[in-house]
N, C-alpha and C. Protein backbone atom coordinates (compact mmCIF):
# COMPACT_ATOMS: atom_id res chain seq x y z
N MET A 1 79.11 101.79 62.03
CA MET A 1 79.33 100.96 63.20
C MET A 1 80.65 101.34 63.86
N ASN A 2 81.67 101.53 63.03
CA ASN A 2 82.99 101.91 63.56
C ASN A 2 82.92 103.27 64.26
N ALA A 3 82.18 104.17 63.67
CA ALA A 3 82.03 105.50 64.30
C ALA A 3 81.29 105.36 65.63
N LYS A 4 80.34 104.45 65.66
CA LYS A 4 79.60 104.21 66.90
C LYS A 4 80.53 103.69 67.99
N LEU A 5 81.40 102.75 67.61
CA LEU A 5 82.37 102.20 68.57
C LEU A 5 83.34 103.29 69.03
N LYS A 6 83.79 104.11 68.09
CA LYS A 6 84.71 105.19 68.45
C LYS A 6 84.03 106.17 69.39
N GLN A 7 82.76 106.49 69.10
CA GLN A 7 82.03 107.43 69.95
C GLN A 7 81.85 106.84 71.36
N CYS A 8 81.54 105.54 71.41
CA CYS A 8 81.38 104.88 72.71
C CYS A 8 82.71 104.87 73.46
N ASP A 9 83.77 104.56 72.75
CA ASP A 9 85.10 104.56 73.36
C ASP A 9 85.46 105.95 73.86
N LEU A 10 85.14 106.98 73.06
CA LEU A 10 85.41 108.36 73.46
C LEU A 10 84.60 108.72 74.71
N ASN A 11 83.33 108.30 74.72
CA ASN A 11 82.48 108.55 75.89
C ASN A 11 83.06 107.88 77.14
N ASN A 12 83.53 106.64 76.95
CA ASN A 12 84.12 105.91 78.08
C ASN A 12 85.36 106.62 78.60
N LYS A 13 86.18 107.11 77.68
CA LYS A 13 87.40 107.82 78.08
C LYS A 13 87.04 109.11 78.83
N GLN A 14 86.03 109.80 78.32
CA GLN A 14 85.60 111.04 78.98
C GLN A 14 85.05 110.74 80.38
N ASN A 15 84.26 109.67 80.48
CA ASN A 15 83.72 109.29 81.78
C ASN A 15 84.84 108.94 82.74
N LEU A 16 85.85 108.23 82.25
CA LEU A 16 86.99 107.87 83.09
C LEU A 16 87.75 109.10 83.52
N GLN A 17 87.97 110.04 82.60
CA GLN A 17 88.68 111.27 82.95
C GLN A 17 87.89 112.08 83.98
N GLU A 18 86.58 112.16 83.78
CA GLU A 18 85.75 112.91 84.73
C GLU A 18 85.81 112.25 86.11
N ALA A 19 85.74 110.95 86.15
CA ALA A 19 85.80 110.24 87.43
C ALA A 19 87.16 110.44 88.10
N GLU A 20 88.22 110.41 87.30
CA GLU A 20 89.55 110.64 87.86
C GLU A 20 89.67 112.06 88.41
N GLN A 21 89.07 113.00 87.71
CA GLN A 21 89.11 114.38 88.19
C GLN A 21 88.32 114.52 89.49
N ARG A 22 87.15 113.88 89.55
CA ARG A 22 86.35 113.92 90.78
C ARG A 22 87.12 113.24 91.92
N PHE A 23 87.73 112.13 91.60
CA PHE A 23 88.50 111.39 92.60
C PHE A 23 89.65 112.25 93.11
N ALA A 24 90.36 112.91 92.21
CA ALA A 24 91.49 113.76 92.61
C ALA A 24 91.00 114.92 93.48
N LEU A 25 89.88 115.51 93.11
CA LEU A 25 89.32 116.62 93.90
C LEU A 25 88.90 116.14 95.28
N GLU A 26 88.22 115.01 95.32
CA GLU A 26 87.79 114.45 96.60
C GLU A 26 89.00 114.09 97.46
N LEU A 27 90.00 113.54 96.84
CA LEU A 27 91.23 113.19 97.55
C LEU A 27 91.89 114.44 98.13
N LYS A 28 91.93 115.50 97.35
CA LYS A 28 92.52 116.75 97.81
C LYS A 28 91.74 117.30 99.00
N LYS A 29 90.41 117.26 98.91
CA LYS A 29 89.57 117.74 100.00
C LYS A 29 89.80 116.92 101.27
N GLN A 30 89.84 115.61 101.12
CA GLN A 30 90.04 114.75 102.28
C GLN A 30 91.41 114.97 102.90
N ARG A 31 92.41 115.13 102.06
CA ARG A 31 93.76 115.34 102.57
C ARG A 31 93.84 116.68 103.32
N GLU A 32 93.20 117.71 102.77
CA GLU A 32 93.18 119.01 103.45
C GLU A 32 92.44 118.91 104.78
N GLN A 33 91.33 118.22 104.77
CA GLN A 33 90.56 118.05 105.99
C GLN A 33 91.38 117.27 107.03
N TRP A 34 92.02 116.22 106.59
CA TRP A 34 92.86 115.42 107.48
C TRP A 34 94.00 116.26 108.03
N THR A 35 94.62 117.08 107.19
CA THR A 35 95.71 117.94 107.61
C THR A 35 95.23 118.93 108.66
N GLU A 36 94.07 119.52 108.45
CA GLU A 36 93.52 120.46 109.41
C GLU A 36 93.24 119.77 110.76
N GLN A 37 92.67 118.60 110.70
CA GLN A 37 92.38 117.86 111.92
C GLN A 37 93.66 117.53 112.67
N GLU A 38 94.65 117.09 111.93
CA GLU A 38 95.93 116.76 112.56
C GLU A 38 96.58 118.01 113.14
N LYS A 39 96.43 119.12 112.45
CA LYS A 39 96.98 120.38 112.96
C LYS A 39 96.32 120.76 114.27
N GLU A 40 94.99 120.65 114.33
CA GLU A 40 94.26 120.97 115.56
C GLU A 40 94.67 120.04 116.69
N LYS A 41 94.76 118.75 116.39
CA LYS A 41 95.18 117.79 117.41
C LYS A 41 96.59 118.11 117.91
N ARG A 42 97.45 118.44 116.99
CA ARG A 42 98.83 118.76 117.33
C ARG A 42 98.87 119.99 118.23
N GLU A 43 98.08 121.01 117.90
CA GLU A 43 98.05 122.22 118.70
C GLU A 43 97.52 121.94 120.11
N GLN A 44 96.48 121.13 120.20
CA GLN A 44 95.95 120.77 121.51
C GLN A 44 96.97 119.97 122.32
N PHE A 45 97.62 119.05 121.62
CA PHE A 45 98.63 118.24 122.27
C PHE A 45 99.77 119.11 122.79
N ILE A 46 100.22 120.00 121.97
CA ILE A 46 101.33 120.89 122.34
C ILE A 46 100.93 121.77 123.53
N ALA A 47 99.71 122.28 123.51
CA ALA A 47 99.25 123.12 124.61
C ALA A 47 99.23 122.35 125.93
N SER A 48 98.72 121.13 125.89
CA SER A 48 98.65 120.35 127.14
C SER A 48 100.05 119.96 127.62
N LYS A 49 100.91 119.62 126.69
CA LYS A 49 102.27 119.22 127.08
C LYS A 49 103.08 120.43 127.54
N THR A 50 102.82 121.59 127.00
CA THR A 50 103.53 122.80 127.42
C THR A 50 103.24 123.08 128.90
N LYS A 51 102.02 122.89 129.28
CA LYS A 51 101.66 123.11 130.68
C LYS A 51 102.40 122.12 131.58
N GLU A 52 102.46 120.86 131.15
CA GLU A 52 103.19 119.86 131.93
C GLU A 52 104.68 120.17 132.00
N ILE A 53 105.22 120.62 130.90
CA ILE A 53 106.66 120.92 130.83
C ILE A 53 107.02 122.06 131.77
N LYS A 54 106.18 123.06 131.85
CA LYS A 54 106.45 124.19 132.74
C LYS A 54 106.56 123.73 134.19
N GLU A 55 105.84 122.68 134.53
CA GLU A 55 105.85 122.17 135.88
C GLU A 55 107.07 121.28 136.14
N MET A 56 107.73 120.80 135.12
CA MET A 56 108.89 119.92 135.27
C MET A 56 110.15 120.74 135.53
N THR A 57 111.13 120.06 136.00
CA THR A 57 112.43 120.72 136.18
C THR A 57 113.19 120.72 134.87
N ILE A 58 114.23 121.55 134.78
CA ILE A 58 115.02 121.67 133.56
C ILE A 58 115.72 120.35 133.23
N LYS A 59 116.24 119.66 134.22
CA LYS A 59 116.96 118.41 133.97
C LYS A 59 116.04 117.31 133.45
N GLY A 60 114.82 117.27 133.93
CA GLY A 60 113.89 116.24 133.50
C GLY A 60 113.21 116.55 132.19
N LEU A 61 113.41 117.75 131.71
CA LEU A 61 112.70 118.21 130.52
C LEU A 61 113.20 117.58 129.23
N GLU A 62 114.49 117.53 129.04
CA GLU A 62 115.05 117.09 127.76
C GLU A 62 114.65 115.67 127.36
N PRO A 63 114.81 114.67 128.22
CA PRO A 63 114.42 113.30 127.81
C PRO A 63 112.92 113.19 127.48
N GLU A 64 112.10 113.88 128.23
CA GLU A 64 110.66 113.84 127.97
C GLU A 64 110.32 114.46 126.62
N LEU A 65 110.97 115.58 126.31
CA LEU A 65 110.74 116.22 125.01
C LEU A 65 111.17 115.31 123.86
N GLN A 66 112.30 114.69 124.00
CA GLN A 66 112.79 113.79 122.95
C GLN A 66 111.84 112.60 122.75
N ARG A 67 111.36 112.06 123.86
CA ARG A 67 110.42 110.94 123.78
C ARG A 67 109.12 111.35 123.08
N MET A 68 108.61 112.51 123.46
CA MET A 68 107.37 113.00 122.85
C MET A 68 107.56 113.30 121.37
N LEU A 69 108.66 113.92 121.03
CA LEU A 69 108.93 114.24 119.63
C LEU A 69 109.02 112.97 118.79
N LYS A 70 109.72 111.99 119.31
CA LYS A 70 109.86 110.72 118.60
C LYS A 70 108.49 110.05 118.42
N LYS A 71 107.70 110.03 119.49
CA LYS A 71 106.38 109.41 119.43
C LYS A 71 105.48 110.13 118.42
N ASN A 72 105.50 111.45 118.43
CA ASN A 72 104.69 112.21 117.49
C ASN A 72 105.10 111.95 116.05
N LYS A 73 106.38 111.89 115.81
CA LYS A 73 106.87 111.61 114.45
C LYS A 73 106.44 110.22 114.00
N GLU A 74 106.55 109.26 114.91
CA GLU A 74 106.14 107.90 114.57
C GLU A 74 104.64 107.83 114.30
N ASP A 75 103.87 108.50 115.14
CA ASP A 75 102.42 108.52 114.94
C ASP A 75 102.04 109.16 113.61
N LEU A 76 102.68 110.26 113.30
CA LEU A 76 102.40 110.96 112.05
C LEU A 76 102.79 110.10 110.84
N ALA A 77 103.94 109.43 110.94
CA ALA A 77 104.38 108.55 109.85
C ALA A 77 103.39 107.39 109.67
N LEU A 78 102.91 106.86 110.78
CA LEU A 78 101.94 105.76 110.72
C LEU A 78 100.63 106.22 110.08
N LYS A 79 100.16 107.38 110.48
CA LYS A 79 98.92 107.91 109.89
C LYS A 79 99.09 108.18 108.40
N ASP A 80 100.23 108.72 108.03
CA ASP A 80 100.50 108.96 106.60
C ASP A 80 100.49 107.65 105.83
N GLN A 81 101.12 106.64 106.39
CA GLN A 81 101.17 105.33 105.73
C GLN A 81 99.77 104.74 105.60
N GLU A 82 98.99 104.81 106.64
CA GLU A 82 97.62 104.30 106.59
C GLU A 82 96.79 105.05 105.54
N PHE A 83 96.94 106.35 105.51
CA PHE A 83 96.20 107.16 104.54
C PHE A 83 96.59 106.76 103.12
N ASN A 84 97.88 106.60 102.87
CA ASN A 84 98.34 106.24 101.53
C ASN A 84 97.86 104.84 101.14
N GLU A 85 97.82 103.92 102.08
CA GLU A 85 97.33 102.58 101.78
C GLU A 85 95.84 102.60 101.43
N ILE A 86 95.09 103.36 102.21
CA ILE A 86 93.65 103.49 101.93
C ILE A 86 93.44 104.12 100.56
N LEU A 87 94.19 105.15 100.29
CA LEU A 87 94.09 105.84 99.01
C LEU A 87 94.42 104.89 97.86
N LYS A 88 95.46 104.11 98.02
CA LYS A 88 95.86 103.16 96.98
C LYS A 88 94.77 102.11 96.74
N ARG A 89 94.21 101.58 97.83
CA ARG A 89 93.14 100.59 97.69
C ARG A 89 91.92 101.16 96.99
N GLU A 90 91.53 102.36 97.38
CA GLU A 90 90.36 102.99 96.75
C GLU A 90 90.60 103.27 95.28
N LYS A 91 91.80 103.69 94.95
CA LYS A 91 92.12 103.96 93.55
C LYS A 91 92.09 102.67 92.75
N GLU A 92 92.63 101.58 93.30
CA GLU A 92 92.61 100.30 92.61
C GLU A 92 91.18 99.80 92.41
N GLN A 93 90.36 99.96 93.44
CA GLN A 93 88.96 99.55 93.32
C GLN A 93 88.25 100.35 92.24
N LEU A 94 88.49 101.64 92.21
CA LEU A 94 87.87 102.50 91.21
C LEU A 94 88.32 102.11 89.80
N MET A 95 89.61 101.88 89.65
CA MET A 95 90.14 101.50 88.34
C MET A 95 89.57 100.14 87.91
N ASN A 96 89.49 99.19 88.84
CA ASN A 96 88.92 97.88 88.51
C ASN A 96 87.46 98.00 88.09
N SER A 97 86.75 98.85 88.78
CA SER A 97 85.34 99.07 88.44
C SER A 97 85.20 99.66 87.03
N PHE A 98 86.03 100.66 86.74
CA PHE A 98 85.97 101.26 85.41
C PHE A 98 86.40 100.26 84.34
N ASP A 99 87.41 99.46 84.62
CA ASP A 99 87.84 98.44 83.66
C ASP A 99 86.73 97.45 83.38
N GLN A 100 86.06 97.01 84.45
CA GLN A 100 84.97 96.05 84.30
C GLN A 100 83.83 96.64 83.47
N ARG A 101 83.47 97.88 83.78
CA ARG A 101 82.39 98.52 83.01
C ARG A 101 82.78 98.70 81.56
N LEU A 102 84.02 99.04 81.31
CA LEU A 102 84.49 99.21 79.94
C LEU A 102 84.44 97.88 79.19
N LYS A 103 84.86 96.80 79.84
CA LYS A 103 84.81 95.48 79.21
C LYS A 103 83.37 95.09 78.89
N GLU A 104 82.47 95.37 79.82
CA GLU A 104 81.07 95.03 79.60
C GLU A 104 80.49 95.82 78.43
N GLN A 105 80.83 97.09 78.34
CA GLN A 105 80.33 97.91 77.24
C GLN A 105 80.92 97.44 75.91
N LYS A 106 82.18 97.09 75.90
CA LYS A 106 82.79 96.58 74.67
C LYS A 106 82.12 95.29 74.23
N GLN A 107 81.87 94.38 75.19
CA GLN A 107 81.22 93.12 74.85
C GLN A 107 79.81 93.37 74.31
N SER A 108 79.12 94.30 74.93
CA SER A 108 77.78 94.62 74.47
C SER A 108 77.81 95.18 73.05
N LEU A 109 78.76 96.08 72.80
CA LEU A 109 78.85 96.66 71.45
C LEU A 109 79.24 95.61 70.42
N LEU A 110 80.14 94.72 70.79
CA LEU A 110 80.53 93.66 69.86
C LEU A 110 79.35 92.73 69.56
N ALA A 111 78.57 92.42 70.57
CA ALA A 111 77.40 91.57 70.36
C ALA A 111 76.40 92.27 69.44
N THR A 112 76.18 93.54 69.67
CA THR A 112 75.28 94.33 68.83
C THR A 112 75.80 94.38 67.40
N LYS A 113 77.08 94.57 67.27
CA LYS A 113 77.70 94.63 65.95
C LYS A 113 77.50 93.30 65.21
N ASP A 114 77.74 92.18 65.92
CA ASP A 114 77.57 90.87 65.31
C ASP A 114 76.12 90.64 64.89
N GLN A 115 75.20 91.07 65.70
CA GLN A 115 73.78 90.93 65.36
C GLN A 115 73.44 91.78 64.13
N ASP A 116 73.95 92.98 64.09
CA ASP A 116 73.70 93.86 62.95
C ASP A 116 74.28 93.28 61.66
N ILE A 117 75.48 92.72 61.78
CA ILE A 117 76.11 92.11 60.59
C ILE A 117 75.29 90.92 60.11
N THR A 118 74.87 90.08 61.03
CA THR A 118 74.07 88.91 60.68
C THR A 118 72.75 89.34 60.02
N HIS A 119 72.12 90.32 60.59
CA HIS A 119 70.86 90.84 60.04
C HIS A 119 71.09 91.41 58.63
N GLU A 120 72.16 92.16 58.48
CA GLU A 120 72.47 92.75 57.18
C GLU A 120 72.74 91.66 56.14
N ARG A 121 73.46 90.63 56.52
CA ARG A 121 73.73 89.51 55.60
C ARG A 121 72.44 88.83 55.17
N GLU A 122 71.57 88.58 56.14
CA GLU A 122 70.32 87.92 55.82
C GLU A 122 69.47 88.80 54.90
N SER A 123 69.46 90.09 55.17
CA SER A 123 68.70 91.01 54.35
C SER A 123 69.24 91.04 52.92
N LEU A 124 70.56 91.10 52.81
CA LEU A 124 71.16 91.13 51.48
C LEU A 124 70.97 89.80 50.75
N SER A 125 70.99 88.72 51.50
CA SER A 125 70.78 87.40 50.90
C SER A 125 69.37 87.31 50.32
N VAL A 126 68.40 87.82 51.06
CA VAL A 126 67.01 87.81 50.58
C VAL A 126 66.88 88.68 49.34
N LYS A 127 67.48 89.85 49.35
CA LYS A 127 67.42 90.74 48.19
C LYS A 127 68.08 90.10 46.97
N LEU A 128 69.21 89.44 47.22
CA LEU A 128 69.92 88.78 46.13
C LEU A 128 69.07 87.66 45.53
N LYS A 129 68.42 86.90 46.37
CA LYS A 129 67.55 85.82 45.88
C LYS A 129 66.38 86.39 45.08
N GLU A 130 65.81 87.50 45.58
CA GLU A 130 64.71 88.12 44.87
C GLU A 130 65.16 88.65 43.51
N ASN A 131 66.32 89.24 43.47
CA ASN A 131 66.85 89.74 42.19
C ASN A 131 67.21 88.61 41.26
N TRP A 132 67.67 87.54 41.80
CA TRP A 132 68.08 86.39 41.01
C TRP A 132 66.85 85.73 40.38
N GLU A 133 65.74 85.71 41.12
CA GLU A 133 64.52 85.10 40.63
C GLU A 133 63.86 85.96 39.55
N LEU A 134 64.11 87.24 39.55
CA LEU A 134 63.50 88.10 38.56
C LEU A 134 64.22 87.95 37.29
C-alpha cells in the first residue's frame, strides 16, 4: 500500500513537472510572439513618424520626439505589466488546479487504503474465528 502511495505521489510529481515544462514552453512561445508583434508595430510606428518628422521643422522636432519617446516607453511598460499580471494569474490558476487534483487523489487513495485495511481486518478476524473453532 505504501509503495502504491509512493508511486501515485511520484506520478503526481511527474505530471506536475511535465505541466510546468509545457507551461514554461508555452509561455516562452507567447512571449516571443508578443515580442515579434511589438517589434513589427514599433517598426511601423517609427516609419510613419519618420515621414512626419521629415516634414517638420528642426525647432519643432525635439519636443515632439521627446513626447513620442515618453509615450512609447509608457505604453511598453504598461503592456509588460499587463503581460506579467496575466502570466501570474494563469500560473496561480494552474497551481491551484494541480493542488486540488493532488488533494483529491490523496483523499481517494486514503479512502481506498482504509477500505483495504477494514477488509483485511474482517478477513483475518474470520480466519482467526475459524482457527479458534477448530
